[in-house]
Structure formats: structure tokens, C-alpha cells
PDB file of all heavy atoms in Angstrom:
ATOM      1  N   ASP A   1     -69.115-104.875 -53.072  1.00  0.00           N
ATOM      2  CA  ASP A   1     -68.142-105.958 -53.246  1.00  0.00           C
ATOM      3  C   ASP A   1     -67.818-106.168 -54.716  1.00  0.00           C
ATOM      4  O   ASP A   1     -66.653-106.353 -55.098  1.00  0.00           O
ATOM      5  CB  ASP A   1     -68.667-107.257 -52.632  1.00  0.00           C
ATOM      6  CG  ASP A   1     -68.623-107.254 -51.113  1.00  0.00           C
ATOM      7  OD1 ASP A   1     -67.899-106.402 -50.541  1.00  0.00           O
ATOM      8  OD2 ASP A   1     -69.303-108.098 -50.505  1.00  0.00           O
ATOM      9  N   ALA A   2     -68.866-106.160 -55.549  1.00  0.00           N
ATOM     10  CA  ALA A   2     -68.653-106.333 -56.987  1.00  0.00           C
ATOM     11  C   ALA A   2     -67.838-105.171 -57.553  1.00  0.00           C
ATOM     12  O   ALA A   2     -66.932-105.374 -58.371  1.00  0.00           O
ATOM     13  CB  ALA A   2     -69.991-106.449 -57.712  1.00  0.00           C
ATOM     14  N   ARG A   3     -68.141-103.975 -57.100  1.00  0.00           N
ATOM     15  CA  ARG A   3     -67.405-102.802 -57.590  1.00  0.00           C
ATOM     16  C   ARG A   3     -65.948-102.843 -57.133  1.00  0.00           C
ATOM     17  O   ARG A   3     -65.041-102.507 -57.908  1.00  0.00           O
ATOM     18  CB  ARG A   3     -68.078-101.536 -57.100  1.00  0.00           C
ATOM     19  CG  ARG A   3     -67.524-100.308 -57.735  1.00  0.00           C
ATOM     20  CD  ARG A   3     -68.395 -99.125 -57.515  1.00  0.00           C
ATOM     21  NE  ARG A   3     -67.752 -97.949 -58.091  1.00  0.00           N
ATOM     22  CZ  ARG A   3     -68.051 -96.725 -57.778  1.00  0.00           C
ATOM     23  NH1 ARG A   3     -68.995 -96.491 -56.905  1.00  0.00           N
ATOM     24  NH2 ARG A   3     -67.433 -95.718 -58.328  1.00  0.00           N
ATOM     25  N   ALA A   4     -65.713-103.256 -55.899  1.00  0.00           N
ATOM     26  CA  ALA A   4     -64.343-103.365 -55.403  1.00  0.00           C
ATOM     27  C   ALA A   4     -63.573-104.435 -56.171  1.00  0.00           C
ATOM     28  O   ALA A   4     -62.391-104.256 -56.489  1.00  0.00           O
ATOM     29  CB  ALA A   4     -64.340-103.677 -53.909  1.00  0.00           C
ATOM     30  N   ALA A   5     -64.228-105.539 -56.480  1.00  0.00           N
ATOM     31  CA  ALA A   5     -63.569-106.590 -57.254  1.00  0.00           C
ATOM     32  C   ALA A   5     -63.242-106.092 -58.658  1.00  0.00           C
ATOM     33  O   ALA A   5     -62.176-106.400 -59.209  1.00  0.00           O
ATOM     34  CB  ALA A   5     -64.454-107.824 -57.322  1.00  0.00           C
ATOM     35  N   GLU A   6     -64.161-105.317 -59.230  1.00  0.00           N
ATOM     36  CA  GLU A   6     -63.932-104.772 -60.568  1.00  0.00           C
ATOM     37  C   GLU A   6     -62.793-103.761 -60.555  1.00  0.00           C
ATOM     38  O   GLU A   6     -61.928-103.767 -61.432  1.00  0.00           O
ATOM     39  CB  GLU A   6     -65.209-104.097 -61.080  1.00  0.00           C
ATOM     40  CG  GLU A   6     -65.068-103.465 -62.441  1.00  0.00           C
ATOM     41  CD  GLU A   6     -66.326-102.717 -62.834  1.00  0.00           C
ATOM     42  OE1 GLU A   6     -67.424-103.154 -62.441  1.00  0.00           O
ATOM     43  OE2 GLU A   6     -66.195-101.700 -63.531  1.00  0.00           O
ATOM     44  N   GLU A   7     -62.766-102.882 -59.558  1.00  0.00           N
ATOM     45  CA  GLU A   7     -61.716-101.865 -59.485  1.00  0.00           C
ATOM     46  C   GLU A   7     -60.365-102.474 -59.138  1.00  0.00           C
ATOM     47  O   GLU A   7     -59.322-101.924 -59.504  1.00  0.00           O
ATOM     48  CB  GLU A   7     -62.076-100.797 -58.442  1.00  0.00           C
ATOM     49  CG  GLU A   7     -63.283 -99.962 -58.778  1.00  0.00           C
ATOM     50  CD  GLU A   7     -63.042 -99.039 -59.961  1.00  0.00           C
ATOM     51  OE1 GLU A   7     -61.918 -98.520 -60.095  1.00  0.00           O
ATOM     52  OE2 GLU A   7     -63.983 -98.840 -60.755  1.00  0.00           O
ATOM     53  N   GLY A   8     -60.356-103.601 -58.452  1.00  0.00           N
ATOM     54  CA  GLY A   8     -59.105-104.225 -58.049  1.00  0.00           C
ATOM     55  C   GLY A   8     -58.614-105.289 -58.999  1.00  0.00           C
ATOM     56  O   GLY A   8     -57.634-105.970 -58.702  1.00  0.00           O
ATOM     57  N   SER A   9     -59.256-105.432 -60.141  1.00  0.00           N
ATOM     58  CA  SER A   9     -58.830-106.468 -61.088  1.00  0.00           C
ATOM     59  C   SER A   9     -57.502-106.061 -61.727  1.00  0.00           C
ATOM     60  O   SER A   9     -57.133-104.885 -61.775  1.00  0.00           O
ATOM     61  CB  SER A   9     -59.899-106.683 -62.156  1.00  0.00           C
ATOM     62  OG  SER A   9     -59.979-105.542 -62.989  1.00  0.00           O
ATOM     63  N   ARG A  10     -56.778-107.047 -62.240  1.00  0.00           N
ATOM     64  CA  ARG A  10     -55.478-106.771 -62.849  1.00  0.00           C
ATOM     65  C   ARG A  10     -55.605-105.862 -64.061  1.00  0.00           C
ATOM     66  O   ARG A  10     -54.768-104.982 -64.268  1.00  0.00           O
ATOM     67  CB  ARG A  10     -54.809-108.080 -63.264  1.00  0.00           C
ATOM     68  CG  ARG A  10     -54.317-108.880 -62.098  1.00  0.00           C
ATOM     69  CD  ARG A  10     -53.672-110.165 -62.601  1.00  0.00           C
ATOM     70  NE  ARG A  10     -53.151-110.902 -61.491  1.00  0.00           N
ATOM     71  CZ  ARG A  10     -51.869-111.094 -61.283  1.00  0.00           C
ATOM     72  NH1 ARG A  10     -50.984-110.624 -62.129  1.00  0.00           N
ATOM     73  NH2 ARG A  10     -51.452-111.774 -60.237  1.00  0.00           N
ATOM     74  N   VAL A  11     -56.652-106.066 -64.851  1.00  0.00           N
ATOM     75  CA  VAL A  11     -56.830-105.249 -66.042  1.00  0.00           C
ATOM     76  C   VAL A  11     -57.031-103.788 -65.653  1.00  0.00           C
ATOM     77  O   VAL A  11     -56.419-102.878 -66.232  1.00  0.00           O
ATOM     78  CB  VAL A  11     -58.025-105.784 -66.877  1.00  0.00           C
ATOM     79  CG1 VAL A  11     -58.323-104.869 -68.039  1.00  0.00           C
ATOM     80  CG2 VAL A  11     -57.756-107.198 -67.328  1.00  0.00           C
ATOM     81  N   ARG A  12     -57.882-103.547 -64.673  1.00  0.00           N
ATOM     82  CA  ARG A  12     -58.168-102.177 -64.239  1.00  0.00           C
ATOM     83  C   ARG A  12     -56.922-101.535 -63.605  1.00  0.00           C
ATOM     84  O   ARG A  12     -56.602-100.380 -63.875  1.00  0.00           O
ATOM     85  CB  ARG A  12     -59.321-102.202 -63.230  1.00  0.00           C
ATOM     86  CG  ARG A  12     -59.713-100.876 -62.703  1.00  0.00           C
ATOM     87  CD  ARG A  12     -60.528-100.110 -63.700  1.00  0.00           C
ATOM     88  NE  ARG A  12     -60.985 -98.885 -63.064  1.00  0.00           N
ATOM     89  CZ  ARG A  12     -61.060 -97.727 -63.664  1.00  0.00           C
ATOM     90  NH1 ARG A  12     -60.775 -97.641 -64.929  1.00  0.00           N
ATOM     91  NH2 ARG A  12     -61.450 -96.673 -63.018  1.00  0.00           N
ATOM     92  N   LEU A  13     -56.212-102.300 -62.760  1.00  0.00           N
ATOM     93  CA  LEU A  13     -55.004-101.770 -62.136  1.00  0.00           C
ATOM     94  C   LEU A  13     -53.904-101.510 -63.170  1.00  0.00           C
ATOM     95  O   LEU A  13     -53.150-100.544 -63.048  1.00  0.00           O
ATOM     96  CB  LEU A  13     -54.507-102.710 -61.051  1.00  0.00           C
ATOM     97  CG  LEU A  13     -55.398-102.806 -59.808  1.00  0.00           C
ATOM     98  CD1 LEU A  13     -54.834-103.829 -58.845  1.00  0.00           C
ATOM     99  CD2 LEU A  13     -55.555-101.464 -59.142  1.00  0.00           C
ATOM    100  N   ALA A  14     -53.828-102.358 -64.191  1.00  0.00           N
ATOM    101  CA  ALA A  14     -52.836-102.132 -65.247  1.00  0.00           C
ATOM    102  C   ALA A  14     -53.150-100.848 -66.004  1.00  0.00           C
ATOM    103  O   ALA A  14     -52.236-100.080 -66.351  1.00  0.00           O
ATOM    104  CB  ALA A  14     -52.800-103.326 -66.199  1.00  0.00           C
ATOM    105  N   ALA A  15     -54.436-100.599 -66.253  1.00  0.00           N
ATOM    106  CA  ALA A  15     -54.816 -99.358 -66.942  1.00  0.00           C
ATOM    107  C   ALA A  15     -54.474 -98.139 -66.086  1.00  0.00           C
ATOM    108  O   ALA A  15     -53.969 -97.124 -66.601  1.00  0.00           O
ATOM    109  CB  ALA A  15     -56.308 -99.388 -67.270  1.00  0.00           C
ATOM    110  N   ILE A  16     -54.711 -98.210 -64.802  1.00  0.00           N
ATOM    111  CA  ILE A  16     -54.383 -97.092 -63.904  1.00  0.00           C
ATOM    112  C   ILE A  16     -52.871 -96.894 -63.841  1.00  0.00           C
ATOM    113  O   ILE A  16     -52.376 -95.765 -63.899  1.00  0.00           O
ATOM    114  CB  ILE A  16     -54.969 -97.335 -62.498  1.00  0.00           C
ATOM    115  CG1 ILE A  16     -56.493 -97.283 -62.550  1.00  0.00           C
ATOM    116  CG2 ILE A  16     -54.439 -96.320 -61.499  1.00  0.00           C
ATOM    117  CD1 ILE A  16     -57.169 -97.707 -61.261  1.00  0.00           C
ATOM    118  N   ALA A  17     -52.105 -97.997 -63.766  1.00  0.00           N
ATOM    119  CA  ALA A  17     -50.644 -97.890 -63.718  1.00  0.00           C
ATOM    120  C   ALA A  17     -50.104 -97.285 -65.012  1.00  0.00           C
ATOM    121  O   ALA A  17     -49.172 -96.474 -64.991  1.00  0.00           O
ATOM    122  CB  ALA A  17     -50.037 -99.264 -63.484  1.00  0.00           C
ATOM    123  N   LYS A  18     -50.685 -97.661 -66.141  1.00  0.00           N
ATOM    124  CA  LYS A  18     -50.238 -97.099 -67.421  1.00  0.00           C
ATOM    125  C   LYS A  18     -50.548 -95.607 -67.478  1.00  0.00           C
ATOM    126  O   LYS A  18     -49.734 -94.808 -67.943  1.00  0.00           O
ATOM    127  CB  LYS A  18     -50.917 -97.846 -68.564  1.00  0.00           C
ATOM    128  CG  LYS A  18     -50.385 -97.469 -69.916  1.00  0.00           C
ATOM    129  CD  LYS A  18     -50.993 -98.332 -70.993  1.00  0.00           C
ATOM    130  CE  LYS A  18     -50.368 -97.975 -72.340  1.00  0.00           C
ATOM    131  NZ  LYS A  18     -50.911 -98.803 -73.406  1.00  0.00           N
ATOM    132  N   ARG A  19     -51.733 -95.221 -67.015  1.00  0.00           N
ATOM    133  CA  ARG A  19     -52.108 -93.813 -67.030  1.00  0.00           C
ATOM    134  C   ARG A  19     -51.192 -92.986 -66.126  1.00  0.00           C
ATOM    135  O   ARG A  19     -50.849 -91.847 -66.430  1.00  0.00           O
ATOM    136  CB  ARG A  19     -53.574 -93.674 -66.581  1.00  0.00           C
ATOM    137  CG  ARG A  19     -54.104 -92.248 -66.748  1.00  0.00           C
ATOM    138  CD  ARG A  19     -55.542 -92.126 -66.305  1.00  0.00           C
ATOM    139  NE  ARG A  19     -55.588 -92.207 -64.843  1.00  0.00           N
ATOM    140  CZ  ARG A  19     -56.492 -92.885 -64.161  1.00  0.00           C
ATOM    141  NH1 ARG A  19     -57.439 -93.551 -64.783  1.00  0.00           N
ATOM    142  NH2 ARG A  19     -56.467 -92.920 -62.839  1.00  0.00           N
ATOM    143  N   LEU A  20     -50.774 -93.560 -64.984  1.00  0.00           N
ATOM    144  CA  LEU A  20     -49.898 -92.850 -64.056  1.00  0.00           C
ATOM    145  C   LEU A  20     -48.415 -93.057 -64.380  1.00  0.00           C
ATOM    146  O   LEU A  20     -47.556 -92.577 -63.641  1.00  0.00           O
ATOM    147  CB  LEU A  20     -50.177 -93.308 -62.619  1.00  0.00           C
ATOM    148  CG  LEU A  20     -51.565 -92.978 -62.076  1.00  0.00           C
ATOM    149  CD1 LEU A  20     -51.751 -93.605 -60.705  1.00  0.00           C
ATOM    150  CD2 LEU A  20     -51.772 -91.474 -62.006  1.00  0.00           C
ATOM    151  N   ASP A  21     -48.134 -93.777 -65.462  1.00  0.00           N
ATOM    152  CA  ASP A  21     -46.781 -94.061 -65.920  1.00  0.00           C
ATOM    153  C   ASP A  21     -45.982 -94.809 -64.848  1.00  0.00           C
ATOM    154  O   ASP A  21     -44.838 -94.479 -64.539  1.00  0.00           O
ATOM    155  CB  ASP A  21     -46.059 -92.768 -66.327  1.00  0.00           C
ATOM    156  CG  ASP A  21     -44.828 -93.057 -67.176  1.00  0.00           C
ATOM    157  OD1 ASP A  21     -44.828 -94.107 -67.863  1.00  0.00           O
ATOM    158  OD2 ASP A  21     -43.874 -92.257 -67.134  1.00  0.00           O
ATOM    159  N   LEU A  22     -46.602 -95.812 -64.256  1.00  0.00           N
ATOM    160  CA  LEU A  22     -45.936 -96.670 -63.279  1.00  0.00           C
ATOM    161  C   LEU A  22     -45.431 -97.914 -63.976  1.00  0.00           C
ATOM    162  O   LEU A  22     -46.043 -98.407 -64.924  1.00  0.00           O
ATOM    163  CB  LEU A  22     -46.906 -97.069 -62.165  1.00  0.00           C
ATOM    164  CG  LEU A  22     -47.467 -95.939 -61.305  1.00  0.00           C
ATOM    165  CD1 LEU A  22     -48.493 -96.500 -60.333  1.00  0.00           C
ATOM    166  CD2 LEU A  22     -46.371 -95.240 -60.548  1.00  0.00           C
ATOM    167  N   ARG A  23     -44.298 -98.428 -63.522  1.00  0.00           N
ATOM    168  CA  ARG A  23     -43.774 -99.665 -64.086  1.00  0.00           C
ATOM    169  C   ARG A  23     -43.117-100.442 -62.954  1.00  0.00           C
ATOM    170  O   ARG A  23     -42.804 -99.873 -61.901  1.00  0.00           O
ATOM    171  CB  ARG A  23     -42.807 -99.371 -65.222  1.00  0.00           C
ATOM    172  CG  ARG A  23     -41.649 -98.527 -64.863  1.00  0.00           C
ATOM    173  CD  ARG A  23     -40.788 -98.221 -66.091  1.00  0.00           C
ATOM    174  NE  ARG A  23     -39.641 -97.433 -65.725  1.00  0.00           N
ATOM    175  CZ  ARG A  23     -39.639 -96.121 -65.595  1.00  0.00           C
ATOM    176  NH1 ARG A  23     -40.731 -95.439 -65.831  1.00  0.00           N
ATOM    177  NH2 ARG A  23     -38.554 -95.482 -65.248  1.00  0.00           N
ATOM    178  N   PRO A  24     -42.864-101.727 -63.176  1.00  0.00           N
ATOM    179  CA  PRO A  24     -42.246-102.525 -62.118  1.00  0.00           C
ATOM    180  C   PRO A  24     -40.849-101.993 -61.774  1.00  0.00           C
ATOM    181  O   PRO A  24     -40.170-101.381 -62.596  1.00  0.00           O
ATOM    182  CB  PRO A  24     -42.158-103.927 -62.716  1.00  0.00           C
ATOM    183  CG  PRO A  24     -43.108-103.934 -63.857  1.00  0.00           C
ATOM    184  CD  PRO A  24     -43.236-102.520 -64.333  1.00  0.00           C
ATOM    185  N   ALA A  25     -40.447-102.253 -60.557  1.00  0.00           N
ATOM    186  CA  ALA A  25     -39.135-101.783 -60.096  1.00  0.00           C
ATOM    187  C   ALA A  25     -38.029-102.554 -60.796  1.00  0.00           C
ATOM    188  O   ALA A  25     -38.161-103.741 -61.088  1.00  0.00           O
ATOM    189  CB  ALA A  25     -39.025-101.962 -58.599  1.00  0.00           C
ATOM    190  N   ASP A  26     -36.948-101.862 -61.063  1.00  0.00           N
ATOM    191  CA  ASP A  26     -35.771-102.482 -61.651  1.00  0.00           C
ATOM    192  C   ASP A  26     -35.056-103.260 -60.548  1.00  0.00           C
ATOM    193  O   ASP A  26     -34.794-102.714 -59.466  1.00  0.00           O
ATOM    194  CB  ASP A  26     -34.861-101.398 -62.230  1.00  0.00           C
ATOM    195  CG  ASP A  26     -33.657-101.978 -62.942  1.00  0.00           C
ATOM    196  OD1 ASP A  26     -33.695-103.171 -63.295  1.00  0.00           O
ATOM    197  OD2 ASP A  26     -32.681-101.223 -63.145  1.00  0.00           O
ATOM    198  N   PRO A  27     -34.760-104.538 -60.763  1.00  0.00           N
ATOM    199  CA  PRO A  27     -34.096-105.308 -59.705  1.00  0.00           C
ATOM    200  C   PRO A  27     -32.785-104.695 -59.239  1.00  0.00           C
ATOM    201  O   PRO A  27     -32.384-104.889 -58.088  1.00  0.00           O
ATOM    202  CB  PRO A  27     -33.867-106.680 -60.334  1.00  0.00           C
ATOM    203  CG  PRO A  27     -34.844-106.770 -61.442  1.00  0.00           C
ATOM    204  CD  PRO A  27     -35.064-105.367 -61.927  1.00  0.00           C
ATOM    205  N   GLY A  28     -32.142-103.942 -60.093  1.00  0.00           N
ATOM    206  CA  GLY A  28     -30.895-103.305 -59.689  1.00  0.00           C
ATOM    207  C   GLY A  28     -31.105-102.153 -58.726  1.00  0.00           C
ATOM    208  O   GLY A  28     -30.171-101.697 -58.073  1.00  0.00           O
ATOM    209  N   GLN A  29     -32.319-101.655 -58.618  1.00  0.00           N
ATOM    210  CA  GLN A  29     -32.599-100.525 -57.740  1.00  0.00           C
ATOM    211  C   GLN A  29     -33.059-100.948 -56.343  1.00  0.00           C
ATOM    212  O   GLN A  29     -33.262-100.112 -55.488  1.00  0.00           O
ATOM    213  CB  GLN A  29     -33.674 -99.633 -58.364  1.00  0.00           C
ATOM    214  CG  GLN A  29     -33.219 -98.939 -59.624  1.00  0.00           C
ATOM    215  CD  GLN A  29     -34.345 -98.136 -60.251  1.00  0.00           C
ATOM    216  OE1 GLN A  29     -35.514 -98.391 -59.978  1.00  0.00           O
ATOM    217  NE2 GLN A  29     -33.976 -97.172 -61.082  1.00  0.00           N
ATOM    218  N   ILE A  30     -33.244-102.214 -56.140  1.00  0.00           N
ATOM    219  CA  ILE A  30     -33.722-102.703 -54.844  1.00  0.00           C
ATOM    220  C   ILE A  30     -32.546-102.774 -53.883  1.00  0.00           C
ATOM    221  O   ILE A  30     -31.498-103.333 -54.191  1.00  0.00           O
ATOM    222  CB  ILE A  30     -34.390-104.085 -54.982  1.00  0.00           C
ATOM    223  CG1 ILE A  30     -35.616-103.955 -55.882  1.00  0.00           C
ATOM    224  CG2 ILE A  30     -34.765-104.640 -53.610  1.00  0.00           C
ATOM    225  CD1 ILE A  30     -36.295-105.262 -56.184  1.00  0.00           C
ATOM    226  N   VAL A  31     -32.692-102.178 -52.734  1.00  0.00           N
ATOM    227  CA  VAL A  31     -31.640-102.149 -51.718  1.00  0.00           C
ATOM    228  C   VAL A  31     -32.086-103.001 -50.548  1.00  0.00           C
ATOM    229  O   VAL A  31     -33.192-102.847 -50.040  1.00  0.00           O
ATOM    230  CB  VAL A  31     -31.392-100.698 -51.244  1.00  0.00           C
ATOM    231  CG1 VAL A  31     -30.351-100.666 -50.136  1.00  0.00           C
ATOM    232  CG2 VAL A  31     -30.990 -99.829 -52.406  1.00  0.00           C
ATOM    233  N   MET A  32     -31.235-103.907 -50.132  1.00  0.00           N
ATOM    234  CA  MET A  32     -31.529-104.755 -48.979  1.00  0.00           C
ATOM    235  C   MET A  32     -30.804-104.178 -47.765  1.00  0.00           C
ATOM    236  O   MET A  32     -29.595-103.970 -47.791  1.00  0.00           O
ATOM    237  CB  MET A  32     -31.048-106.184 -49.226  1.00  0.00           C
ATOM    238  CG  MET A  32     -31.768-106.879 -50.368  1.00  0.00           C
ATOM    239  SD  MET A  32     -33.511-107.106 -50.071  1.00  0.00           S
ATOM    240  CE  MET A  32     -33.478-108.326 -48.816  1.00  0.00           C
ATOM    241  N   ILE A  33     -31.527-103.915 -46.713  1.00  0.00           N
ATOM    242  CA  ILE A  33     -30.950-103.380 -45.484  1.00  0.00           C
ATOM    243  C   ILE A  33     -30.749-104.547 -44.532  1.00  0.00           C
ATOM    244  O   ILE A  33     -31.680-105.317 -44.288  1.00  0.00           O
ATOM    245  CB  ILE A  33     -31.871-102.322 -44.853  1.00  0.00           C
ATOM    246  CG1 ILE A  33     -32.053-101.164 -45.828  1.00  0.00           C
ATOM    247  CG2 ILE A  33     -31.304-101.835 -43.534  1.00  0.00           C
ATOM    248  CD1 ILE A  33     -33.040-100.131 -45.363  1.00  0.00           C
ATOM    249  N   PRO A  34     -29.564-104.702 -43.996  1.00  0.00           N
ATOM    250  CA  PRO A  34     -29.335-105.817 -43.080  1.00  0.00           C
ATOM    251  C   PRO A  34     -30.190-105.684 -41.823  1.00  0.00           C
ATOM    252  O   PRO A  34     -30.433-104.576 -41.342  1.00  0.00           O
ATOM    253  CB  PRO A  34     -27.848-105.717 -42.727  1.00  0.00           C
ATOM    254  CG  PRO A  34     -27.287-104.623 -43.550  1.00  0.00           C
ATOM    255  CD  PRO A  34     -28.390-103.908 -44.237  1.00  0.00           C
ATOM    256  N   PRO A  35     -30.669-106.787 -41.305  1.00  0.00           N
ATOM    257  CA  PRO A  35     -31.508-106.734 -40.103  1.00  0.00           C
ATOM    258  C   PRO A  35     -30.812-106.105 -38.908  1.00  0.00           C
ATOM    259  O   PRO A  35     -31.457-105.541 -38.034  1.00  0.00           O
ATOM    260  CB  PRO A  35     -31.846-108.198 -39.816  1.00  0.00           C
ATOM    261  CG  PRO A  35     -31.557-108.933 -41.062  1.00  0.00           C
ATOM    262  CD  PRO A  35     -30.539-108.133 -41.823  1.00  0.00           C
ATOM    263  N   SER A  36     -29.507-106.162 -38.864  1.00  0.00           N
ATOM    264  CA  SER A  36     -28.808-105.569 -37.718  1.00  0.00           C
ATOM    265  C   SER A  36     -28.937-104.057 -37.705  1.00  0.00           C
ATOM    266  O   SER A  36     -28.884-103.432 -36.653  1.00  0.00           O
ATOM    267  CB  SER A  36     -27.331-105.977 -37.737  1.00  0.00           C
ATOM    268  OG  SER A  36     -26.728-105.480 -38.934  1.00  0.00           O
ATOM    269  N   LEU A  37     -29.149-103.438 -38.891  1.00  0.00           N
ATOM    270  CA  LEU A  37     -29.323-101.990 -38.936  1.00  0.00           C
ATOM    271  C   LEU A  37     -30.773-101.577 -38.715  1.00  0.00           C
ATOM    272  O   LEU A  37     -31.039-100.459 -38.292  1.00  0.00           O
ATOM    273  CB  LEU A  37     -28.834-101.435 -40.284  1.00  0.00           C
ATOM    274  CG  LEU A  37     -27.333-101.517 -40.534  1.00  0.00           C
ATOM    275  CD1 LEU A  37     -27.004-100.983 -41.912  1.00  0.00           C
ATOM    276  CD2 LEU A  37     -26.576-100.740 -39.482  1.00  0.00           C
ATOM    277  N   VAL A  38     -31.696-102.457 -39.056  1.00  0.00           N
ATOM    278  CA  VAL A  38     -33.117-102.109 -38.930  1.00  0.00           C
ATOM    279  C   VAL A  38     -33.517-102.043 -37.468  1.00  0.00           C
ATOM    280  O   VAL A  38     -34.176-101.106 -37.037  1.00  0.00           O
ATOM    281  CB  VAL A  38     -33.996-103.118 -39.705  1.00  0.00           C
ATOM    282  CG1 VAL A  38     -35.458-102.854 -39.449  1.00  0.00           C
ATOM    283  CG2 VAL A  38     -33.692-103.047 -41.179  1.00  0.00           C
ATOM    284  N   ALA A  39     -33.145-103.021 -36.711  1.00  0.00           N
ATOM    285  CA  ALA A  39     -33.541-103.045 -35.300  1.00  0.00           C
ATOM    286  C   ALA A  39     -32.292-103.149 -34.453  1.00  0.00           C
ATOM    287  O   ALA A  39     -31.917-104.219 -33.999  1.00  0.00           O
ATOM    288  CB  ALA A  39     -34.468-104.216 -35.039  1.00  0.00           C
ATOM    289  N   LEU A  40     -31.633-102.036 -34.280  1.00  0.00           N
ATOM    290  CA  LEU A  40     -30.420-102.036 -33.469  1.00  0.00           C
ATOM    291  C   LEU A  40     -30.776-102.212 -32.003  1.00  0.00           C
ATOM    292  O   LEU A  40     -31.671-101.560 -31.482  1.00  0.00           O
ATOM    293  CB  LEU A  40     -29.670-100.717 -33.651  1.00  0.00           C
ATOM    294  CG  LEU A  40     -28.907-100.548 -34.959  1.00  0.00           C
ATOM    295  CD1 LEU A  40     -28.281 -99.167 -35.017  1.00  0.00           C
ATOM    296  CD2 LEU A  40     -27.835-101.600 -35.100  1.00  0.00           C
ATOM    297  N   SER A  41     -30.059-103.101 -31.388  1.00  0.00           N
ATOM    298  CA  SER A  41     -30.233-103.257 -29.951  1.00  0.00           C
ATOM    299  C   SER A  41     -28.915-102.882 -29.292  1.00  0.00           C
ATOM    300  O   SER A  41     -27.842-103.044 -29.878  1.00  0.00           O
ATOM    301  CB  SER A  41     -30.618-104.693 -29.609  1.00  0.00           C
ATOM    302  OG  SER A  41     -29.600-105.562 -30.032  1.00  0.00           O
ATOM    303  N   PRO A  42     -28.967-102.360 -28.109  1.00  0.00           N
ATOM    304  CA  PRO A  42     -27.713-101.990 -27.453  1.00  0.00           C
ATOM    305  C   PRO A  42     -26.827-103.205 -27.269  1.00  0.00           C
ATOM    306  O   PRO A  42     -27.299-104.296 -26.981  1.00  0.00           O
ATOM    307  CB  PRO A  42     -28.149-101.396 -26.126  1.00  0.00           C
ATOM    308  CG  PRO A  42     -29.599-101.633 -26.002  1.00  0.00           C
ATOM    309  CD  PRO A  42     -30.116-102.093 -27.309  1.00  0.00           C
ATOM    310  N   THR A  43     -25.528-103.021 -27.498  1.00  0.00           N
ATOM    311  CA  THR A  43     -24.604-104.145 -27.389  1.00  0.00           C
ATOM    312  C   THR A  43     -24.506-104.646 -25.954  1.00  0.00           C
ATOM    313  O   THR A  43     -24.457-105.837 -25.714  1.00  0.00           O
ATOM    314  CB  THR A  43     -23.202-103.739 -27.894  1.00  0.00           C
ATOM    315  OG1 THR A  43     -22.791-102.566 -27.198  1.00  0.00           O
ATOM    316  CG2 THR A  43     -23.233-103.466 -29.387  1.00  0.00           C
ATOM    317  N   SER A  44     -24.472-103.738 -25.023  1.00  0.00           N
ATOM    318  CA  SER A  44     -24.480-104.160 -23.625  1.00  0.00           C
ATOM    319  C   SER A  44     -25.747-103.593 -22.985  1.00  0.00           C
ATOM    320  O   SER A  44     -25.924-102.384 -22.890  1.00  0.00           O
ATOM    321  CB  SER A  44     -23.238-103.649 -22.891  1.00  0.00           C
ATOM    322  OG  SER A  44     -23.211-102.247 -22.936  1.00  0.00           O
TER     323      SER A  44
END
């Protein structure tokens, strides 16, 4: 439990993200899919 808490801390995750060259998503790149397309149900 202690090891999992240590590995899951923000500092540790930030170091891993930096090493893997990860960064937060650009808000302009987020695509919203309308719910009508996600779960299409037959019209009749």
C-alpha cells in the first residue's frame, strides 16, 4: 500500500510523464461526439 501510494503520487507521476514526454491535452484537440451518434437506436 505504501509503495502504491508512493508510485501514484503526483510528483512521481509528473516525473514519469516528463520522461515519456507526455503533456496535457490541448483544449482545441478535444472532440465532443454527440450522444445520438454514440448510441444509435433504430428510428422505428
